[in-house]
Amino acid sequence: MTFDPASLKYDANGLIPCIAQDHVSGEVLMMAWMNAEALAKTLDTRRVTYWSRSRGSFWIKGETSGHVQKLIDLRVDCDSDCLLALVEQEGPACHTNRRSCFYTAVREGVEVELTKPML
């Protein structure tokens, strides 16, 4: 069966959430948005490309930081409204210089820092 990006359920702005997960460890690294063109670029180049809502432009993960995400596998959820990119992450995934954007937890009503920035 051929994959058709038009079959995905994009939001009113033409965007779909994409979760990046380390393909070896299973660690959830980040979530960002894609539109159909970012998805096409990702599939074509195997370099994960997102859509920046604040800048209104594409961004290839690691293009300026060197913290590249290489696409290993792309999965579509059962409702076709969310993507899971299994990636090979070079360096930190988070702009705070942490491995994952999910570096805090809420425990007993308190936000707790789980990891420090990578050096």
PDB file of N, CA and C in Angstrom:
ATOM      1  N   MET A   1       0.847  -1.181   0.000  1.00  0.00           N
ATOM      2  CA  MET A   1       0.000   0.000   0.000  1.00  0.00           C
ATOM      3  C   MET A   1       0.893   1.246   0.000  1.00  0.00           C
ATOM      4  N   THR A   2       0.664   2.146  -0.904  1.00  0.00           N
ATOM      5  CA  THR A   2       1.427   3.383  -1.020  1.00  0.00           C
ATOM      6  C   THR A   2       0.944   4.387   0.011  1.00  0.00           C
ATOM      7  N   PHE A   3       1.890   5.061   0.670  1.00  0.00           N
ATOM      8  CA  PHE A   3       1.554   6.075   1.675  1.00  0.00           C
ATOM      9  C   PHE A   3       1.158   7.368   0.979  1.00  0.00           C
ATOM     10  N   ASP A   4       0.040   7.932   1.395  1.00  0.00           N
ATOM     11  CA  ASP A   4      -0.450   9.191   0.855  1.00  0.00           C
ATOM     12  C   ASP A   4      -0.519  10.211   1.991  1.00  0.00           C
ATOM     13  N   PRO A   5       0.398  11.203   2.029  1.00  0.00           N
ATOM     14  CA  PRO A   5       0.368  12.206   3.100  1.00  0.00           C
ATOM     15  C   PRO A   5      -0.965  12.951   3.190  1.00  0.00           C
ATOM     16  N   ALA A   6      -1.707  13.007   2.102  1.00  0.00           N
ATOM     17  CA  ALA A   6      -3.010  13.682   2.116  1.00  0.00           C
ATOM     18  C   ALA A   6      -4.033  12.916   2.951  1.00  0.00           C
ATOM     19  N   SER A   7      -3.750  11.657   3.249  1.00  0.00           N
ATOM     20  CA  SER A   7      -4.677  10.859   4.059  1.00  0.00           C
ATOM     21  C   SER A   7      -4.584  11.191   5.548  1.00  0.00           C
ATOM     22  N   LEU A   8      -3.566  11.950   5.930  1.00  0.00           N
ATOM     23  CA  LEU A   8      -3.401  12.336   7.331  1.00  0.00           C
ATOM     24  C   LEU A   8      -4.407  13.419   7.711  1.00  0.00           C
ATOM     25  N   LYS A   9      -4.689  13.503   9.001  1.00  0.00           N
ATOM     26  CA  LYS A   9      -5.627  14.507   9.505  1.00  0.00           C
ATOM     27  C   LYS A   9      -4.825  15.671  10.091  1.00  0.00           C
ATOM     28  N   TYR A  10      -4.693  16.711   9.295  1.00  0.00           N
ATOM     29  CA  TYR A  10      -3.990  17.922   9.710  1.00  0.00           C
ATOM     30  C   TYR A  10      -4.980  18.830  10.428  1.00  0.00           C
ATOM     31  N   ASP A  11      -4.476  19.725  11.293  1.00  0.00           N
ATOM     32  CA  ASP A  11      -5.360  20.668  11.978  1.00  0.00           C
ATOM     33  C   ASP A  11      -5.768  21.795  11.028  1.00  0.00           C
ATOM     34  N   ALA A  12      -6.492  22.763  11.542  1.00  0.00           N
ATOM     35  CA  ALA A  12      -7.005  23.865  10.719  1.00  0.00           C
ATOM     36  C   ALA A  12      -5.884  24.680  10.078  1.00  0.00           C
ATOM     37  N   ASN A  13      -4.684  24.619  10.652  1.00  0.00           N
ATOM     38  CA  ASN A  13      -3.528  25.334  10.104  1.00  0.00           C
ATOM     39  C   ASN A  13      -2.691  24.455   9.179  1.00  0.00           C
ATOM     40  N   GLY A  14      -3.174  23.255   8.900  1.00  0.00           N
ATOM     41  CA  GLY A  14      -2.442  22.348   8.021  1.00  0.00           C
ATOM     42  C   GLY A  14      -1.278  21.661   8.700  1.00  0.00           C
ATOM     43  N   LEU A  15      -1.325  21.536  10.025  1.00  0.00           N
ATOM     44  CA  LEU A  15      -0.220  20.964  10.795  1.00  0.00           C
ATOM     45  C   LEU A  15      -0.634  19.661  11.467  1.00  0.00           C
ATOM     46  N   ILE A  16       0.370  18.832  11.723  1.00  0.00           N
ATOM     47  CA  ILE A  16       0.181  17.580  12.441  1.00  0.00           C
ATOM     48  C   ILE A  16       1.324  17.442  13.447  1.00  0.00           C
ATOM     49  N   PRO A  17       1.024  17.021  14.697  1.00  0.00           N
ATOM     50  CA  PRO A  17       2.111  16.850  15.670  1.00  0.00           C
ATOM     51  C   PRO A  17       2.978  15.643  15.311  1.00  0.00           C
ATOM     52  N   CYS A  18       4.261  15.799  15.573  1.00  0.00           N
ATOM     53  CA  CYS A  18       5.220  14.720  15.334  1.00  0.00           C
ATOM     54  C   CYS A  18       6.071  14.554  16.588  1.00  0.00           C
ATOM     55  N   ILE A  19       6.030  13.381  17.155  1.00  0.00           N
ATOM     56  CA  ILE A  19       6.832  13.053  18.331  1.00  0.00           C
ATOM     57  C   ILE A  19       8.117  12.392  17.849  1.00  0.00           C
ATOM     58  N   ALA A  20       9.247  12.877  18.327  1.00  0.00           N
ATOM     59  CA  ALA A  20      10.542  12.269  17.997  1.00  0.00           C
ATOM     60  C   ALA A  20      10.970  11.371  19.154  1.00  0.00           C
ATOM     61  N   GLN A  21      11.318  10.140  18.821  1.00  0.00           N
ATOM     62  CA  GLN A  21      11.705   9.144  19.809  1.00  0.00           C
ATOM     63  C   GLN A  21      13.008   8.494  19.380  1.00  0.00           C
ATOM     64  N   ASP A  22      13.911   8.288  20.324  1.00  0.00           N
ATOM     65  CA  ASP A  22      15.171   7.614  20.023  1.00  0.00           C
ATOM     66  C   ASP A  22      14.870   6.181  19.590  1.00  0.00           C
ATOM     67  N   HIS A  23      15.370   5.795  18.429  1.00  0.00           N
ATOM     68  CA  HIS A  23      15.036   4.482  17.878  1.00  0.00           C
ATOM     69  C   HIS A  23      15.661   3.328  18.636  1.00  0.00           C
ATOM     70  N   VAL A  24      16.701   3.577  19.438  1.00  0.00           N
ATOM     71  CA  VAL A  24      17.343   2.509  20.199  1.00  0.00           C
ATOM     72  C   VAL A  24      16.789   2.432  21.614  1.00  0.00           C
ATOM     73  N   SER A  25      16.817   3.553  22.334  1.00  0.00           N
ATOM     74  CA  SER A  25      16.431   3.544  23.748  1.00  0.00           C
ATOM     75  C   SER A  25      14.925   3.661  23.975  1.00  0.00           C
ATOM     76  N   GLY A  26      14.201   4.209  22.982  1.00  0.00           N
ATOM     77  CA  GLY A  26      12.773   4.435  23.162  1.00  0.00           C
ATOM     78  C   GLY A  26      12.458   5.733  23.883  1.00  0.00           C
ATOM     79  N   GLU A  27      13.484   6.488  24.269  1.00  0.00           N
ATOM     80  CA  GLU A  27      13.277   7.751  24.978  1.00  0.00           C
ATOM     81  C   GLU A  27      12.544   8.752  24.077  1.00  0.00           C
ATOM     82  N   VAL A  28      11.514   9.378  24.633  1.00  0.00           N
ATOM     83  CA  VAL A  28      10.808  10.431  23.913  1.00  0.00           C
ATOM     84  C   VAL A  28      11.667  11.687  23.995  1.00  0.00           C
ATOM     85  N   LEU A  29      12.008  12.248  22.840  1.00  0.00           N
ATOM     86  CA  LEU A  29      12.938  13.366  22.786  1.00  0.00           C
ATOM     87  C   LEU A  29      12.246  14.719  22.694  1.00  0.00           C
ATOM     88  N   MET A  30      11.225  14.818  21.860  1.00  0.00           N
ATOM     89  CA  MET A  30      10.585  16.114  21.652  1.00  0.00           C
ATOM     90  C   MET A  30       9.291  15.934  20.867  1.00  0.00           C
ATOM     91  N   MET A  31       8.546  17.020  20.763  1.00  0.00           N
ATOM     92  CA  MET A  31       7.372  17.085  19.910  1.00  0.00           C
ATOM     93  C   MET A  31       7.443  18.395  19.149  1.00  0.00           C
ATOM     94  N   ALA A  32       7.155  18.332  17.867  1.00  0.00           N
ATOM     95  CA  ALA A  32       7.114  19.535  17.049  1.00  0.00           C
ATOM     96  C   ALA A  32       6.067  19.315  15.966  1.00  0.00           C
ATOM     97  N   TRP A  33       5.867  20.326  15.151  1.00  0.00           N
ATOM     98  CA  TRP A  33       4.814  20.294  14.142  1.00  0.00           C
ATOM     99  C   TRP A  33       5.396  20.087  12.757  1.00  0.00           C
ATOM    100  N   MET A  34       4.628  19.396  11.917  1.00  0.00           N
ATOM    101  CA  MET A  34       4.958  19.237  10.504  1.00  0.00           C
ATOM    102  C   MET A  34       3.741  19.646   9.687  1.00  0.00           C
ATOM    103  N   ASN A  35       4.012  20.135   8.493  1.00  0.00           N
ATOM    104  CA  ASN A  35       2.943  20.247   7.511  1.00  0.00           C
ATOM    105  C   ASN A  35       3.265  19.227   6.415  1.00  0.00           C
ATOM    106  N   ALA A  36       2.434  19.143   5.390  1.00  0.00           N
ATOM    107  CA  ALA A  36       2.640  18.124   4.353  1.00  0.00           C
ATOM    108  C   ALA A  36       3.999  18.274   3.672  1.00  0.00           C
ATOM    109  N   GLU A  37       4.441  19.512   3.466  1.00  0.00           N
ATOM    110  CA  GLU A  37       5.730  19.723   2.796  1.00  0.00           C
ATOM    111  C   GLU A  37       6.905  19.325   3.686  1.00  0.00           C
ATOM    112  N   ALA A  38       6.822  19.630   4.986  1.00  0.00           N
ATOM    113  CA  ALA A  38       7.877  19.211   5.922  1.00  0.00           C
ATOM    114  C   ALA A  38       7.960  17.693   5.974  1.00  0.00           C
ATOM    115  N   LEU A  39       6.806  17.050   5.959  1.00  0.00           N
ATOM    116  CA  LEU A  39       6.775  15.591   5.952  1.00  0.00           C
ATOM    117  C   LEU A  39       7.425  15.048   4.682  1.00  0.00           C
ATOM    118  N   ALA A  40       7.098  15.629   3.551  1.00  0.00           N
ATOM    119  CA  ALA A  40       7.693  15.194   2.280  1.00  0.00           C
ATOM    120  C   ALA A  40       9.206  15.378   2.291  1.00  0.00           C
ATOM    121  N   LYS A  41       9.677  16.518   2.810  1.00  0.00           N
ATOM    122  CA  LYS A  41      11.118  16.768   2.887  1.00  0.00           C
ATOM    123  C   LYS A  41      11.794  15.743   3.795  1.00  0.00           C
ATOM    124  N   THR A  42      11.148  15.432   4.921  1.00  0.00           N
ATOM    125  CA  THR A  42      11.687  14.450   5.861  1.00  0.00           C
ATOM    126  C   THR A  42      11.824  13.093   5.201  1.00  0.00           C
ATOM    127  N   LEU A  43      10.785  12.665   4.508  1.00  0.00           N
ATOM    128  CA  LEU A  43      10.819  11.359   3.857  1.00  0.00           C
ATOM    129  C   LEU A  43      11.830  11.317   2.719  1.00  0.00           C
ATOM    130  N   ASP A  44      11.993  12.432   2.032  1.00  0.00           N
ATOM    131  CA  ASP A  44      12.922  12.499   0.903  1.00  0.00           C
ATOM    132  C   ASP A  44      14.381  12.524   1.346  1.00  0.00           C
ATOM    133  N   THR A  45      14.690  13.321   2.377  1.00  0.00           N
ATOM    134  CA  THR A  45      16.087  13.525   2.784  1.00  0.00           C
ATOM    135  C   THR A  45      16.521  12.644   3.949  1.00  0.00           C
ATOM    136  N   ARG A  46      15.543  12.094   4.691  1.00  0.00           N
ATOM    137  CA  ARG A  46      15.786  11.332   5.933  1.00  0.00           C
ATOM    138  C   ARG A  46      16.354  12.214   7.044  1.00  0.00           C
ATOM    139  N   ARG A  47      16.368  13.531   6.845  1.00  0.00           N
ATOM    140  CA  ARG A  47      16.695  14.515   7.888  1.00  0.00           C
ATOM    141  C   ARG A  47      15.367  15.096   8.354  1.00  0.00           C
ATOM    142  N   VAL A  48      15.073  15.001   9.661  1.00  0.00           N
ATOM    143  CA  VAL A  48      13.753  15.400  10.133  1.00  0.00           C
ATOM    144  C   VAL A  48      13.582  16.908   9.995  1.00  0.00           C
ATOM    145  N   THR A  49      12.526  17.283   9.299  1.00  0.00           N
ATOM    146  CA  THR A  49      12.203  18.676   9.006  1.00  0.00           C
ATOM    147  C   THR A  49      10.859  19.004   9.624  1.00  0.00           C
ATOM    148  N   TYR A  50      10.817  20.091  10.370  1.00  0.00           N
ATOM    149  CA  TYR A  50       9.596  20.518  11.044  1.00  0.00           C
ATOM    150  C   TYR A  50       9.137  21.864  10.489  1.00  0.00           C
ATOM    151  N   TRP A  51       7.937  22.273  10.919  1.00  0.00           N
ATOM    152  CA  TRP A  51       7.400  23.587  10.582  1.00  0.00           C
ATOM    153  C   TRP A  51       7.385  24.417  11.854  1.00  0.00           C
ATOM    154  N   SER A  52       8.050  25.558  11.841  1.00  0.00           N
ATOM    155  CA  SER A  52       8.068  26.465  12.987  1.00  0.00           C
ATOM    156  C   SER A  52       6.867  27.391  12.914  1.00  0.00           C
ATOM    157  N   ARG A  53       5.977  27.249  13.880  1.00  0.00           N
ATOM    158  CA  ARG A  53       4.799  28.113  13.908  1.00  0.00           C
ATOM    159  C   ARG A  53       5.186  29.554  14.213  1.00  0.00           C
ATOM    160  N   SER A  54       6.177  29.757  15.074  1.00  0.00           N
ATOM    161  CA  SER A  54       6.562  31.126  15.447  1.00  0.00           C
ATOM    162  C   SER A  54       7.286  31.850  14.319  1.00  0.00           C
ATOM    163  N   ARG A  55       8.115  31.141  13.569  1.00  0.00           N
ATOM    164  CA  ARG A  55       8.857  31.761  12.462  1.00  0.00           C
ATOM    165  C   ARG A  55       8.129  31.659  11.130  1.00  0.00           C
ATOM    166  N   GLY A  56       7.165  30.752  11.061  1.00  0.00           N
ATOM    167  CA  GLY A  56       6.448  30.547   9.802  1.00  0.00           C
ATOM    168  C   GLY A  56       7.346  30.006   8.711  1.00  0.00           C
ATOM    169  N   SER A  57       8.242  29.083   9.099  1.00  0.00           N
ATOM    170  CA  SER A  57       9.178  28.528   8.121  1.00  0.00           C
ATOM    171  C   SER A  57       9.604  27.128   8.538  1.00  0.00           C
ATOM    172  N   PHE A  58      10.253  26.437   7.598  1.00  0.00           N
ATOM    173  CA  PHE A  58      10.759  25.106   7.884  1.00  0.00           C
ATOM    174  C   PHE A  58      12.012  25.195   8.745  1.00  0.00           C
ATOM    175  N   TRP A  59      12.249  24.169   9.535  1.00  0.00           N
ATOM    176  CA  TRP A  59      13.543  24.030  10.202  1.00  0.00           C
ATOM    177  C   TRP A  59      13.939  22.560  10.203  1.00  0.00           C
ATOM    178  N   ILE A  60      15.140  22.342   9.731  1.00  0.00           N
ATOM    179  CA  ILE A  60      15.706  21.000   9.715  1.00  0.00           C
ATOM    180  C   ILE A  60      16.429  20.828  11.042  1.00  0.00           C
ATOM    181  N   LYS A  61      16.000  19.846  11.816  1.00  0.00           N
ATOM    182  CA  LYS A  61      16.571  19.647  13.139  1.00  0.00           C
ATOM    183  C   LYS A  61      18.080  19.469  13.031  1.00  0.00           C
ATOM    184  N   GLY A  62      18.812  20.330  13.736  1.00  0.00           N
ATOM    185  CA  GLY A  62      20.268  20.260  13.763  1.00  0.00           C
ATOM    186  C   GLY A  62      20.957  21.091  12.704  1.00  0.00           C
ATOM    187  N   GLU A  63      20.193  21.774  11.865  1.00  0.00           N
ATOM    188  CA  GLU A  63      20.788  22.554  10.778  1.00  0.00           C
ATOM    189  C   GLU A  63      21.746  23.623  11.296  1.00  0.00           C
ATOM    190  N   THR A  64      21.397  24.276  12.398  1.00  0.00           N
ATOM    191  CA  THR A  64      22.298  25.291  12.956  1.00  0.00           C
ATOM    192  C   THR A  64      23.054  24.786  14.179  1.00  0.00           C
ATOM    193  N   SER A  65      22.449  23.884  14.958  1.00  0.00           N
ATOM    194  CA  SER A  65      23.085  23.410  16.192  1.00  0.00           C
ATOM    195  C   SER A  65      24.020  22.224  15.972  1.00  0.00           C
ATOM    196  N   GLY A  66      23.816  21.495  14.883  1.00  0.00           N
ATOM    197  CA  GLY A  66      24.572  20.270  14.661  1.00  0.00           C
ATOM    198  C   GLY A  66      23.949  19.063  15.337  1.00  0.00           C
ATOM    199  N   HIS A  67      22.843  19.265  16.045  1.00  0.00           N
ATOM    200  CA  HIS A  67      22.170  18.183  16.772  1.00  0.00           C
ATOM    201  C   HIS A  67      21.111  17.546  15.862  1.00  0.00           C
ATOM    202  N   VAL A  68      21.592  16.848  14.878  1.00  0.00           N
ATOM    203  CA  VAL A  68      20.797  16.324  13.775  1.00  0.00           C
ATOM    204  C   VAL A  68      19.918  15.151  14.218  1.00  0.00           C
ATOM    205  N   GLN A  69      18.737  15.088  13.609  1.00  0.00           N
ATOM    206  CA  GLN A  69      17.871  13.917  13.749  1.00  0.00           C
ATOM    207  C   GLN A  69      17.808  13.222  12.396  1.00  0.00           C
ATOM    208  N   LYS A  70      18.293  11.986  12.363  1.00  0.00           N
ATOM    209  CA  LYS A  70      18.207  11.170  11.150  1.00  0.00           C
ATOM    210  C   LYS A  70      16.996  10.253  11.293  1.00  0.00           C
ATOM    211  N   LEU A  71      16.117  10.284  10.313  1.00  0.00           N
ATOM    212  CA  LEU A  71      14.917   9.467  10.360  1.00  0.00           C
ATOM    213  C   LEU A  71      15.257   8.001  10.122  1.00  0.00           C
ATOM    214  N   ILE A  72      14.833   7.150  11.050  1.00  0.00           N
ATOM    215  CA  ILE A  72      15.003   5.709  10.921  1.00  0.00           C
ATOM    216  C   ILE A  72      13.688   5.080  10.452  1.00  0.00           C
ATOM    217  N   ASP A  73      12.579   5.516  11.061  1.00  0.00           N
ATOM    218  CA  ASP A  73      11.266   4.975  10.720  1.00  0.00           C
ATOM    219  C   ASP A  73      10.224   6.032  11.034  1.00  0.00           C
ATOM    220  N   LEU A  74       9.160   6.069  10.251  1.00  0.00           N
ATOM    221  CA  LEU A  74       8.061   6.994  10.503  1.00  0.00           C
ATOM    222  C   LEU A  74       6.797   6.182  10.695  1.00  0.00           C
ATOM    223  N   ARG A  75       6.082   6.496  11.784  1.00  0.00           N
ATOM    224  CA  ARG A  75       4.854   5.763  12.086  1.00  0.00           C
ATOM    225  C   ARG A  75       3.695   6.743  12.189  1.00  0.00           C
ATOM    226  N   VAL A  76       2.514   6.252  11.834  1.00  0.00           N
ATOM    227  CA  VAL A  76       1.282   7.034  11.872  1.00  0.00           C
ATOM    228  C   VAL A  76       0.375   6.397  12.910  1.00  0.00           C
ATOM    229  N   ASP A  77      -0.234   7.225  13.784  1.00  0.00           N
ATOM    230  CA  ASP A  77      -1.104   6.653  14.806  1.00  0.00           C
ATOM    231  C   ASP A  77      -2.432   6.189  14.201  1.00  0.00           C
ATOM    232  N   CYS A  78      -3.221   5.490  15.006  1.00  0.00           N
ATOM    233  CA  CYS A  78      -4.441   4.834  14.535  1.00  0.00           C
ATOM    234  C   CYS A  78      -5.496   5.801  14.012  1.00  0.00           C
ATOM    235  N   ASP A  79      -5.467   7.052  14.444  1.00  0.00           N
ATOM    236  CA  ASP A  79      -6.428   8.049  13.974  1.00  0.00           C
ATOM    237  C   ASP A  79      -5.871   8.895  12.833  1.00  0.00           C
ATOM    238  N   SER A  80      -4.646   8.651  12.446  1.00  0.00           N
ATOM    239  CA  SER A  80      -3.955   9.406  11.388  1.00  0.00           C
ATOM    240  C   SER A  80      -3.823  10.893  11.700  1.00  0.00           C
ATOM    241  N   ASP A  81      -3.751  11.228  13.005  1.00  0.00           N
ATOM    242  CA  ASP A  81      -3.631  12.633  13.379  1.00  0.00           C
ATOM    243  C   ASP A  81      -2.384  12.938  14.213  1.00  0.00           C
ATOM    244  N   CYS A  82      -1.444  12.003  14.233  1.00  0.00           N
ATOM    245  CA  CYS A  82      -0.184  12.212  14.949  1.00  0.00           C
ATOM    246  C   CYS A  82       0.868  11.295  14.338  1.00  0.00           C
ATOM    247  N   LEU A  83       2.089  11.806  14.266  1.00  0.00           N
ATOM    248  CA  LEU A  83       3.206  11.046  13.719  1.00  0.00           C
ATOM    249  C   LEU A  83       4.214  10.716  14.815  1.00  0.00           C
ATOM    250  N   LEU A  84       4.897   9.613  14.642  1.00  0.00           N
ATOM    251  CA  LEU A  84       5.991   9.215  15.517  1.00  0.00           C
ATOM    252  C   LEU A  84       7.211   8.994  14.637  1.00  0.00           C
ATOM    253  N   ALA A  85       8.220   9.820  14.838  1.00  0.00           N
ATOM    254  CA  ALA A  85       9.472   9.686  14.095  1.00  0.00           C
ATOM    255  C   ALA A  85      10.481   8.977  14.982  1.00  0.00           C
ATOM    256  N   LEU A  86      10.887   7.790  14.575  1.00  0.00           N
ATOM    257  CA  LEU A  86      11.958   7.097  15.272  1.00  0.00           C
ATOM    258  C   LEU A  86      13.251   7.597  14.658  1.00  0.00           C
ATOM    259  N   VAL A  87      14.112   8.165  15.499  1.00  0.00           N
ATOM    260  CA  VAL A  87      15.267   8.893  14.990  1.00  0.00           C
ATOM    261  C   VAL A  87      16.572   8.426  15.628  1.00  0.00           C
ATOM    262  N   GLU A  88      17.635   8.737  14.930  1.00  0.00           N
ATOM    263  CA  GLU A  88      18.983   8.668  15.491  1.00  0.00           C
ATOM    264  C   GLU A  88      19.342  10.113  15.808  1.00  0.00           C
ATOM    265  N   GLN A  89      19.435  10.430  17.096  1.00  0.00           N
ATOM    266  CA  GLN A  89      19.674  11.789  17.551  1.00  0.00           C
ATOM    267  C   GLN A  89      21.150  11.994  17.832  1.00  0.00           C
ATOM    268  N   GLU A  90      21.715  13.016  17.230  1.00  0.00           N
ATOM    269  CA  GLU A  90      23.100  13.406  17.525  1.00  0.00           C
ATOM    270  C   GLU A  90      23.059  14.555  18.514  1.00  0.00           C
ATOM    271  N   GLY A  91      23.571  14.333  19.718  1.00  0.00           N
ATOM    272  CA  GLY A  91      23.573  15.376  20.736  1.00  0.00           C
ATOM    273  C   GLY A  91      22.194  15.590  21.333  1.00  0.00           C
ATOM    274  N   PRO A  92      22.015  16.722  22.025  1.00  0.00           N
ATOM    275  CA  PRO A  92      20.734  16.988  22.659  1.00  0.00           C
ATOM    276  C   PRO A  92      19.632  17.278  21.638  1.00  0.00           C
ATOM    277  N   ALA A  93      18.408  16.919  21.987  1.00  0.00           N
ATOM    278  CA  ALA A  93      17.257  17.213  21.124  1.00  0.00           C
ATOM    279  C   ALA A  93      16.608  18.538  21.508  1.00  0.00           C
ATOM    280  N   CYS A  94      16.757  18.939  22.760  1.00  0.00           N
ATOM    281  CA  CYS A  94      16.087  20.129  23.274  1.00  0.00           C
ATOM    282  C   CYS A  94      16.953  21.382  23.093  1.00  0.00           C
ATOM    283  N   HIS A  95      16.292  22.497  22.833  1.00  0.00           N
ATOM    284  CA  HIS A  95      17.026  23.763  22.682  1.00  0.00           C
ATOM    285  C   HIS A  95      17.659  24.229  23.994  1.00  0.00           C
ATOM    286  N   THR A  96      17.275  23.585  25.124  1.00  0.00           N
ATOM    287  CA  THR A  96      17.892  23.905  26.416  1.00  0.00           C
ATOM    288  C   THR A  96      19.180  23.107  26.625  1.00  0.00           C
ATOM    289  N   ASN A  97      19.594  22.397  25.582  1.00  0.00           N
ATOM    290  CA  ASN A  97      20.810  21.575  25.591  1.00  0.00           C
ATOM    291  C   ASN A  97      20.651  20.312  26.437  1.00  0.00           C
ATOM    292  N   ARG A  98      19.413  19.833  26.560  1.00  0.00           N
ATOM    293  CA  ARG A  98      19.152  18.569  27.236  1.00  0.00           C
ATOM    294  C   ARG A  98      18.843  17.502  26.189  1.00  0.00           C
ATOM    295  N   ARG A  99      19.041  16.271  26.552  1.00  0.00           N
ATOM    296  CA  ARG A  99      18.767  15.156  25.650  1.00  0.00           C
ATOM    297  C   ARG A  99      17.307  15.164  25.200  1.00  0.00           C
ATOM    298  N   SER A 100      16.387  15.442  26.117  1.00  0.00           N
ATOM    299  CA  SER A 100      14.958  15.427  25.832  1.00  0.00           C
ATOM    300  C   SER A 100      14.312  16.732  26.284  1.00  0.00           C
ATOM    301  N   CYS A 101      13.285  17.153  25.562  1.00  0.00           N
ATOM    302  CA  CYS A 101      12.510  18.329  25.985  1.00  0.00           C
ATOM    303  C   CYS A 101      11.676  18.018  27.221  1.00  0.00           C
ATOM    304  N   PHE A 102      11.463  16.738  27.498  1.00  0.00           N
ATOM    305  CA  PHE A 102      10.654  16.312  28.639  1.00  0.00           C
ATOM    306  C   PHE A 102      11.564  16.058  29.841  1.00  0.00           C
ATOM    307  N   TYR A 103      12.165  17.142  30.337  1.00  0.00           N
ATOM    308  CA  TYR A 103      13.155  17.022  31.408  1.00  0.00           C
ATOM    309  C   TYR A 103      12.616  17.413  32.776  1.00  0.00           C
ATOM    310  N   THR A 104      11.319  17.685  32.869  1.00  0.00           N
ATOM    311  CA  THR A 104      10.719  17.938  34.176  1.00  0.00           C
ATOM    312  C   THR A 104       9.543  16.996  34.388  1.00  0.00           C
ATOM    313  N   ALA A 105       9.213  16.764  35.644  1.00  0.00           N
ATOM    314  CA  ALA A 105       8.062  15.947  36.024  1.00  0.00           C
ATOM    315  C   ALA A 105       7.285  16.701  37.095  1.00  0.00           C
ATOM    316  N   VAL A 106       5.998  16.449  37.152  1.00  0.00           N
ATOM    317  CA  VAL A 106       5.170  17.018  38.225  1.00  0.00           C
ATOM    318  C   VAL A 106       4.932  15.903  39.225  1.00  0.00           C
ATOM    319  N   ARG A 107       5.458  16.108  40.412  1.00  0.00           N
ATOM    320  CA  ARG A 107       5.366  15.109  41.477  1.00  0.00           C
ATOM    321  C   ARG A 107       4.836  15.765  42.739  1.00  0.00           C
ATOM    322  N   GLU A 108       3.693  15.277  43.171  1.00  0.00           N
ATOM    323  CA  GLU A 108       3.029  15.813  44.370  1.00  0.00           C
ATOM    324  C   GLU A 108       2.861  17.322  44.266  1.00  0.00           C
ATOM    325  N   GLY A 109       2.477  17.795  43.072  1.00  0.00           N
ATOM    326  CA  GLY A 109       2.190  19.211  42.871  1.00  0.00           C
ATOM    327  C   GLY A 109       3.411  20.088  42.676  1.00  0.00           C
ATOM    328  N   VAL A 110       4.580  19.478  42.580  1.00  0.00           N
ATOM    329  CA  VAL A 110       5.823  20.237  42.424  1.00  0.00           C
ATOM    330  C   VAL A 110       6.493  19.820  41.110  1.00  0.00           C
ATOM    331  N   GLU A 111       6.948  20.821  40.349  1.00  0.00           N
ATOM    332  CA  GLU A 111       7.699  20.514  39.134  1.00  0.00           C
ATOM    333  C   GLU A 111       9.148  20.232  39.514  1.00  0.00           C
ATOM    334  N   VAL A 112       9.626  19.073  39.101  1.00  0.00           N
ATOM    335  CA  VAL A 112      10.954  18.598  39.477  1.00  0.00           C
ATOM    336  C   VAL A 112      11.811  18.465  38.217  1.00  0.00           C
ATOM    337  N   GLU A 113      13.023  19.010  38.253  1.00  0.00           N
ATOM    338  CA  GLU A 113      13.952  18.871  37.136  1.00  0.00           C
ATOM    339  C   GLU A 113      14.584  17.473  37.183  1.00  0.00           C
ATOM    340  N   LEU A 114      14.453  16.751  36.084  1.00  0.00           N
ATOM    341  CA  LEU A 114      14.970  15.385  36.032  1.00  0.00           C
ATOM    342  C   LEU A 114      16.384  15.310  35.468  1.00  0.00           C
ATOM    343  N   THR A 115      16.706  16.185  34.525  1.00  0.00           N
ATOM    344  CA  THR A 115      18.036  16.152  33.927  1.00  0.00           C
ATOM    345  C   THR A 115      18.595  17.564  33.770  1.00  0.00           C
ATOM    346  N   LYS A 116      19.878  17.652  33.851  1.00  0.00           N
ATOM    347  CA  LYS A 116      20.595  18.900  33.654  1.00  0.00           C
ATOM    348  C   LYS A 116      20.999  19.005  32.182  1.00  0.00           C
ATOM    349  N   PRO A 117      21.326  20.221  31.725  1.00  0.00           N
ATOM    350  CA  PRO A 117      21.817  20.376  30.350  1.00  0.00           C
ATOM    351  C   PRO A 117      23.081  19.543  30.124  1.00  0.00           C
ATOM    352  N   MET A 118      23.225  19.069  28.894  1.00  0.00           N
ATOM    353  CA  MET A 118      24.427  18.336  28.511  1.00  0.00           C
ATOM    354  C   MET A 118      25.560  19.336  28.324  1.00  0.00           C
ATOM    355  N   LEU A 119      26.757  18.933  28.650  1.00  0.00           N
ATOM    356  CA  LEU A 119      27.904  19.832  28.488  1.00  0.00           C
ATOM    357  C   LEU A 119      28.544  19.648  27.153  1.00  0.00           C
TER     358      LEU A 119
END
